[in-house]
Structure formats: C-alpha cells, structure tokens
Amino acid sequence: MLEIAPAKVVEIIYLSRETTASAAAELRGLLAGLNVDETSHLTALAWVGRGTYTAEEFGAAVVVAQVEATAPAVEYLLGMTDLAENLEAGLEEMGIDVTGEEEDLL
C-alpha cells in the first residue's frame, strides 16, 4: 500500500527534526531524490497524520497529492508545519511499525 520505504520515512522524520545546515541539505537532497509515487505517498501520509484524511482514505489522498501537485514537492513538504510529527502520526494511523527502522537509523 505505501509506495515509499518506511526506512526513508524514518530518515525524513529524523532529518526534519535536526537544526543543522548539513541536515537541512541532506533532507532537501533526500526529498528531491524521491520519485513521483514516493512523493505522493509521503504527502498523503503527512495528510493522514495531520487529520486531513483518515487511514481508510489514504488511496484518495494519494490521488489528490498527484493531481493537485502545483508546487514542487520538495518545497511543499519542507514548508509543511510539523512535518515530522505529521509523518509519525500518519505511520501510526496506517498501522505501520517502524521500530526496526528507527533502531537501524540510530
């Protein structure tokens, strides 16, 4: 169902919480390297996390993310308030356990 690896989502969460310039550059590069499917799924996951959509509406959220993408995805995601928290909540709402990915990252 989720077309972006949970490990990538965890890395994005981690980098978006870092305040260093190198972490910001790494986050920007990681987001820029995502393909269209990964970007739309990441955006939809964040929308589920902030309550715009439910987990059951995830498929519809992905379609909306693809159809209504008017700004560059990198800029949209970087400008999203509480990106890390939204992604974490989205993973939880979707029932995706990332404990192993978190341990691998740290």
N, C-alpha and C. Protein backbone atom coordinates (compact mmCIF):
# COMPACT_ATOMS: atom_id res chain seq x y z
N MET A 1 0.83 -1.19 0.00
CA MET A 1 0.00 0.00 0.00
C MET A 1 0.87 1.26 0.00
N LEU A 2 1.83 1.34 0.90
CA LEU A 2 2.70 2.52 0.98
C LEU A 2 3.83 2.35 -0.03
N GLU A 3 3.96 3.29 -0.97
CA GLU A 3 4.95 3.20 -2.04
C GLU A 3 6.24 3.96 -1.71
N ILE A 4 6.51 4.13 -0.44
CA ILE A 4 7.80 4.67 -0.01
C ILE A 4 8.25 3.81 1.16
N ALA A 5 9.50 3.44 1.15
CA ALA A 5 10.02 2.56 2.19
C ALA A 5 9.90 3.23 3.56
N PRO A 6 9.40 2.50 4.54
CA PRO A 6 9.31 3.07 5.89
C PRO A 6 10.65 3.61 6.39
N ALA A 7 11.75 2.97 5.98
CA ALA A 7 13.07 3.46 6.40
C ALA A 7 13.33 4.87 5.87
N LYS A 8 12.86 5.17 4.66
CA LYS A 8 13.02 6.53 4.12
C LYS A 8 12.18 7.51 4.91
N VAL A 9 10.98 7.10 5.28
CA VAL A 9 10.11 7.99 6.06
C VAL A 9 10.76 8.29 7.40
N VAL A 10 11.33 7.29 8.04
CA VAL A 10 12.00 7.48 9.32
C VAL A 10 13.18 8.43 9.16
N GLU A 11 13.95 8.28 8.09
CA GLU A 11 15.08 9.18 7.85
C GLU A 11 14.61 10.62 7.63
N ILE A 12 13.52 10.78 6.90
CA ILE A 12 12.96 12.11 6.67
C ILE A 12 12.50 12.73 7.99
N ILE A 13 11.86 11.93 8.83
CA ILE A 13 11.43 12.40 10.16
C ILE A 13 12.65 12.87 10.95
N TYR A 14 13.66 12.03 10.99
CA TYR A 14 14.87 12.35 11.75
C TYR A 14 15.53 13.63 11.24
N LEU A 15 15.72 13.72 9.93
CA LEU A 15 16.40 14.88 9.36
C LEU A 15 15.58 16.16 9.52
N SER A 16 14.26 16.05 9.48
CA SER A 16 13.44 17.26 9.60
C SER A 16 13.46 17.81 11.02
N ARG A 17 13.88 17.00 11.97
CA ARG A 17 14.00 17.47 13.36
C ARG A 17 15.36 18.09 13.65
N GLU A 18 16.33 17.80 12.82
CA GLU A 18 17.68 18.34 13.02
C GLU A 18 17.70 19.82 12.61
N THR A 19 18.52 20.58 13.28
CA THR A 19 18.55 22.02 13.03
C THR A 19 19.84 22.48 12.34
N THR A 20 20.69 21.54 11.98
CA THR A 20 21.95 21.93 11.34
C THR A 20 21.75 22.15 9.84
N ALA A 21 22.63 22.94 9.28
CA ALA A 21 22.58 23.21 7.85
C ALA A 21 22.84 21.95 7.05
N SER A 22 23.73 21.09 7.55
CA SER A 22 24.02 19.86 6.81
C SER A 22 22.82 18.92 6.81
N ALA A 23 22.07 18.87 7.91
CA ALA A 23 20.87 18.03 7.96
C ALA A 23 19.80 18.58 7.02
N ALA A 24 19.67 19.89 6.97
CA ALA A 24 18.69 20.52 6.06
C ALA A 24 19.04 20.22 4.61
N ALA A 25 20.32 20.28 4.28
CA ALA A 25 20.75 19.98 2.92
C ALA A 25 20.53 18.50 2.60
N GLU A 26 20.80 17.64 3.56
CA GLU A 26 20.59 16.21 3.35
C GLU A 26 19.11 15.90 3.18
N LEU A 27 18.26 16.55 3.96
CA LEU A 27 16.81 16.36 3.84
C LEU A 27 16.33 16.82 2.47
N ARG A 28 16.78 17.99 2.06
CA ARG A 28 16.39 18.51 0.74
C ARG A 28 16.82 17.54 -0.36
N GLY A 29 18.01 17.02 -0.27
CA GLY A 29 18.50 16.07 -1.26
C GLY A 29 17.71 14.77 -1.26
N LEU A 30 17.38 14.29 -0.07
CA LEU A 30 16.59 13.06 0.04
C LEU A 30 15.21 13.24 -0.58
N LEU A 31 14.57 14.36 -0.26
CA LEU A 31 13.24 14.64 -0.83
C LEU A 31 13.31 14.82 -2.34
N ALA A 32 14.34 15.50 -2.82
CA ALA A 32 14.49 15.72 -4.25
C ALA A 32 14.73 14.42 -5.01
N GLY A 33 15.28 13.43 -4.33
CA GLY A 33 15.58 12.15 -4.96
C GLY A 33 14.40 11.19 -5.01
N LEU A 34 13.28 11.56 -4.39
CA LEU A 34 12.11 10.68 -4.39
C LEU A 34 11.45 10.70 -5.77
N ASN A 35 10.91 9.56 -6.16
CA ASN A 35 10.17 9.53 -7.42
C ASN A 35 8.74 10.03 -7.16
N VAL A 36 7.96 10.15 -8.21
CA VAL A 36 6.61 10.72 -8.11
C VAL A 36 5.72 9.91 -7.16
N ASP A 37 5.80 8.59 -7.25
CA ASP A 37 4.98 7.75 -6.37
C ASP A 37 5.38 7.93 -4.90
N GLU A 38 6.68 7.94 -4.64
CA GLU A 38 7.15 8.12 -3.27
C GLU A 38 6.70 9.48 -2.73
N THR A 39 6.83 10.51 -3.55
CA THR A 39 6.45 11.85 -3.12
C THR A 39 4.96 11.94 -2.81
N SER A 40 4.13 11.39 -3.67
CA SER A 40 2.68 11.46 -3.43
C SER A 40 2.28 10.63 -2.23
N HIS A 41 2.92 9.51 -2.01
CA HIS A 41 2.61 8.69 -0.84
C HIS A 41 3.10 9.36 0.45
N LEU A 42 4.26 10.00 0.39
CA LEU A 42 4.77 10.72 1.56
C LEU A 42 3.84 11.88 1.90
N THR A 43 3.41 12.61 0.90
CA THR A 43 2.49 13.73 1.12
C THR A 43 1.18 13.23 1.71
N ALA A 44 0.64 12.17 1.14
CA ALA A 44 -0.61 11.61 1.64
C ALA A 44 -0.45 11.11 3.07
N LEU A 45 0.69 10.52 3.38
CA LEU A 45 0.95 10.04 4.74
C LEU A 45 0.96 11.21 5.73
N ALA A 46 1.57 12.31 5.34
CA ALA A 46 1.58 13.50 6.20
C ALA A 46 0.16 14.04 6.38
N TRP A 47 -0.64 14.01 5.33
CA TRP A 47 -2.03 14.48 5.42
C TRP A 47 -2.84 13.60 6.36
N VAL A 48 -2.61 12.29 6.31
CA VAL A 48 -3.29 11.39 7.26
C VAL A 48 -2.85 11.73 8.67
N GLY A 49 -1.58 11.99 8.85
CA GLY A 49 -1.05 12.32 10.18
C GLY A 49 -1.60 13.61 10.76
N ARG A 50 -1.90 14.57 9.92
CA ARG A 50 -2.43 15.83 10.44
C ARG A 50 -3.96 15.83 10.47
N GLY A 51 -4.58 14.73 10.03
CA GLY A 51 -6.02 14.59 10.15
C GLY A 51 -6.83 15.07 8.96
N THR A 52 -6.16 15.44 7.87
CA THR A 52 -6.88 15.87 6.67
C THR A 52 -7.62 14.68 6.06
N TYR A 53 -7.02 13.51 6.11
CA TYR A 53 -7.60 12.26 5.63
C TYR A 53 -7.47 11.21 6.73
N THR A 54 -8.30 10.19 6.65
CA THR A 54 -8.17 9.05 7.56
C THR A 54 -7.31 8.00 6.88
N ALA A 55 -6.90 6.99 7.64
CA ALA A 55 -6.12 5.90 7.06
C ALA A 55 -6.92 5.20 5.97
N GLU A 56 -8.21 5.11 6.14
CA GLU A 56 -9.07 4.46 5.14
C GLU A 56 -9.15 5.28 3.85
N GLU A 57 -8.88 6.56 3.93
CA GLU A 57 -8.93 7.45 2.77
C GLU A 57 -7.55 7.66 2.14
N PHE A 58 -6.57 6.88 2.57
CA PHE A 58 -5.21 7.06 2.10
C PHE A 58 -5.10 7.01 0.58
N GLY A 59 -5.75 6.05 -0.04
CA GLY A 59 -5.71 5.94 -1.51
C GLY A 59 -6.21 7.20 -2.19
N ALA A 60 -7.29 7.76 -1.67
CA ALA A 60 -7.82 9.00 -2.23
C ALA A 60 -6.84 10.15 -2.01
N ALA A 61 -6.18 10.16 -0.85
CA ALA A 61 -5.20 11.20 -0.55
C ALA A 61 -4.03 11.13 -1.53
N VAL A 62 -3.60 9.93 -1.88
CA VAL A 62 -2.51 9.77 -2.85
C VAL A 62 -2.92 10.36 -4.20
N VAL A 63 -4.13 10.06 -4.62
CA VAL A 63 -4.62 10.59 -5.91
C VAL A 63 -4.66 12.12 -5.87
N VAL A 64 -5.16 12.68 -4.79
CA VAL A 64 -5.21 14.14 -4.65
C VAL A 64 -3.80 14.71 -4.68
N ALA A 65 -2.86 14.07 -3.99
CA ALA A 65 -1.47 14.55 -3.97
C ALA A 65 -0.88 14.55 -5.38
N GLN A 66 -1.24 13.57 -6.20
CA GLN A 66 -0.72 13.50 -7.56
C GLN A 66 -1.39 14.54 -8.46
N VAL A 67 -2.70 14.66 -8.35
CA VAL A 67 -3.47 15.53 -9.24
C VAL A 67 -3.28 17.00 -8.91
N GLU A 68 -3.21 17.32 -7.63
CA GLU A 68 -3.18 18.72 -7.22
C GLU A 68 -1.78 19.24 -6.92
N ALA A 69 -0.77 18.52 -7.33
CA ALA A 69 0.61 18.97 -7.09
C ALA A 69 0.90 20.17 -7.99
N THR A 70 0.81 21.35 -7.42
CA THR A 70 1.06 22.56 -8.19
C THR A 70 2.41 23.19 -7.84
N ALA A 71 2.90 22.93 -6.67
CA ALA A 71 4.20 23.44 -6.24
C ALA A 71 5.19 22.28 -6.28
N PRO A 72 6.47 22.57 -6.42
CA PRO A 72 7.45 21.48 -6.33
C PRO A 72 7.30 20.75 -4.99
N ALA A 73 7.28 19.44 -5.06
CA ALA A 73 7.02 18.63 -3.86
C ALA A 73 8.01 18.91 -2.75
N VAL A 74 9.26 19.11 -3.11
CA VAL A 74 10.28 19.38 -2.08
C VAL A 74 9.91 20.63 -1.29
N GLU A 75 9.57 21.69 -2.00
CA GLU A 75 9.23 22.94 -1.32
C GLU A 75 7.95 22.79 -0.49
N TYR A 76 6.97 22.07 -1.04
CA TYR A 76 5.72 21.86 -0.31
C TYR A 76 5.99 21.11 1.00
N LEU A 77 6.74 20.02 0.92
CA LEU A 77 6.99 19.21 2.11
C LEU A 77 7.86 19.96 3.12
N LEU A 78 8.88 20.67 2.64
CA LEU A 78 9.73 21.43 3.55
C LEU A 78 8.97 22.58 4.22
N GLY A 79 7.96 23.09 3.55
CA GLY A 79 7.16 24.17 4.11
C GLY A 79 6.03 23.70 5.00
N MET A 80 5.85 22.39 5.09
CA MET A 80 4.76 21.85 5.89
C MET A 80 5.07 22.00 7.38
N THR A 81 4.16 22.64 8.08
CA THR A 81 4.32 22.78 9.52
C THR A 81 4.24 21.40 10.18
N ASP A 82 5.16 21.12 11.07
CA ASP A 82 5.17 19.87 11.83
C ASP A 82 5.28 18.63 10.93
N LEU A 83 6.13 18.69 9.93
CA LEU A 83 6.29 17.56 9.01
C LEU A 83 6.61 16.27 9.76
N ALA A 84 7.59 16.30 10.65
CA ALA A 84 7.99 15.09 11.37
C ALA A 84 6.83 14.51 12.17
N GLU A 85 6.14 15.38 12.89
CA GLU A 85 5.02 14.91 13.72
C GLU A 85 3.89 14.36 12.86
N ASN A 86 3.63 15.02 11.72
CA ASN A 86 2.58 14.54 10.82
C ASN A 86 2.94 13.17 10.25
N LEU A 87 4.18 12.98 9.87
CA LEU A 87 4.60 11.69 9.32
C LEU A 87 4.55 10.60 10.39
N GLU A 88 4.99 10.91 11.58
CA GLU A 88 4.90 9.93 12.67
C GLU A 88 3.47 9.53 12.94
N ALA A 89 2.60 10.52 13.04
CA ALA A 89 1.18 10.23 13.29
C ALA A 89 0.57 9.47 12.12
N GLY A 90 0.97 9.79 10.90
CA GLY A 90 0.48 9.08 9.73
C GLY A 90 0.88 7.62 9.75
N LEU A 91 2.13 7.35 10.08
CA LEU A 91 2.58 5.96 10.20
C LEU A 91 1.76 5.21 11.24
N GLU A 92 1.54 5.86 12.36
CA GLU A 92 0.76 5.24 13.44
C GLU A 92 -0.67 4.96 12.98
N GLU A 93 -1.29 5.96 12.35
CA GLU A 93 -2.67 5.80 11.86
C GLU A 93 -2.78 4.67 10.84
N MET A 94 -1.74 4.51 10.03
CA MET A 94 -1.74 3.48 9.00
C MET A 94 -1.35 2.11 9.56
N GLY A 95 -0.96 2.08 10.84
CA GLY A 95 -0.59 0.81 11.46
C GLY A 95 0.77 0.29 11.01
N ILE A 96 1.65 1.21 10.64
CA ILE A 96 2.98 0.82 10.16
C ILE A 96 3.98 0.97 11.30
N ASP A 97 4.54 -0.14 11.73
CA ASP A 97 5.52 -0.16 12.81
C ASP A 97 6.91 0.06 12.24
N VAL A 98 7.57 1.09 12.69
CA VAL A 98 8.91 1.42 12.17
C VAL A 98 9.98 1.30 13.25
N THR A 99 9.71 0.54 14.27
CA THR A 99 10.65 0.37 15.38
C THR A 99 12.01 -0.11 14.87
N GLY A 100 12.02 -1.09 14.00
CA GLY A 100 13.28 -1.62 13.48
C GLY A 100 14.04 -0.60 12.67
N GLU A 101 13.31 0.18 11.86
CA GLU A 101 13.94 1.21 11.05
C GLU A 101 14.54 2.31 11.93
N GLU A 102 13.84 2.65 13.00
CA GLU A 102 14.35 3.66 13.93
C GLU A 102 15.62 3.19 14.59
N GLU A 103 15.64 1.93 15.01
CA GLU A 103 16.83 1.39 15.66
C GLU A 103 18.00 1.34 14.69
N ASP A 104 17.73 0.99 13.42
CA ASP A 104 18.79 0.95 12.42
C ASP A 104 19.38 2.33 12.15
N LEU A 105 18.52 3.36 12.17
CA LEU A 105 18.96 4.72 11.89
C LEU A 105 19.85 5.25 13.02
N LEU A 106 19.48 4.94 14.23
CA LEU A 106 20.24 5.44 15.37
C LEU A 106 21.38 4.51 15.66
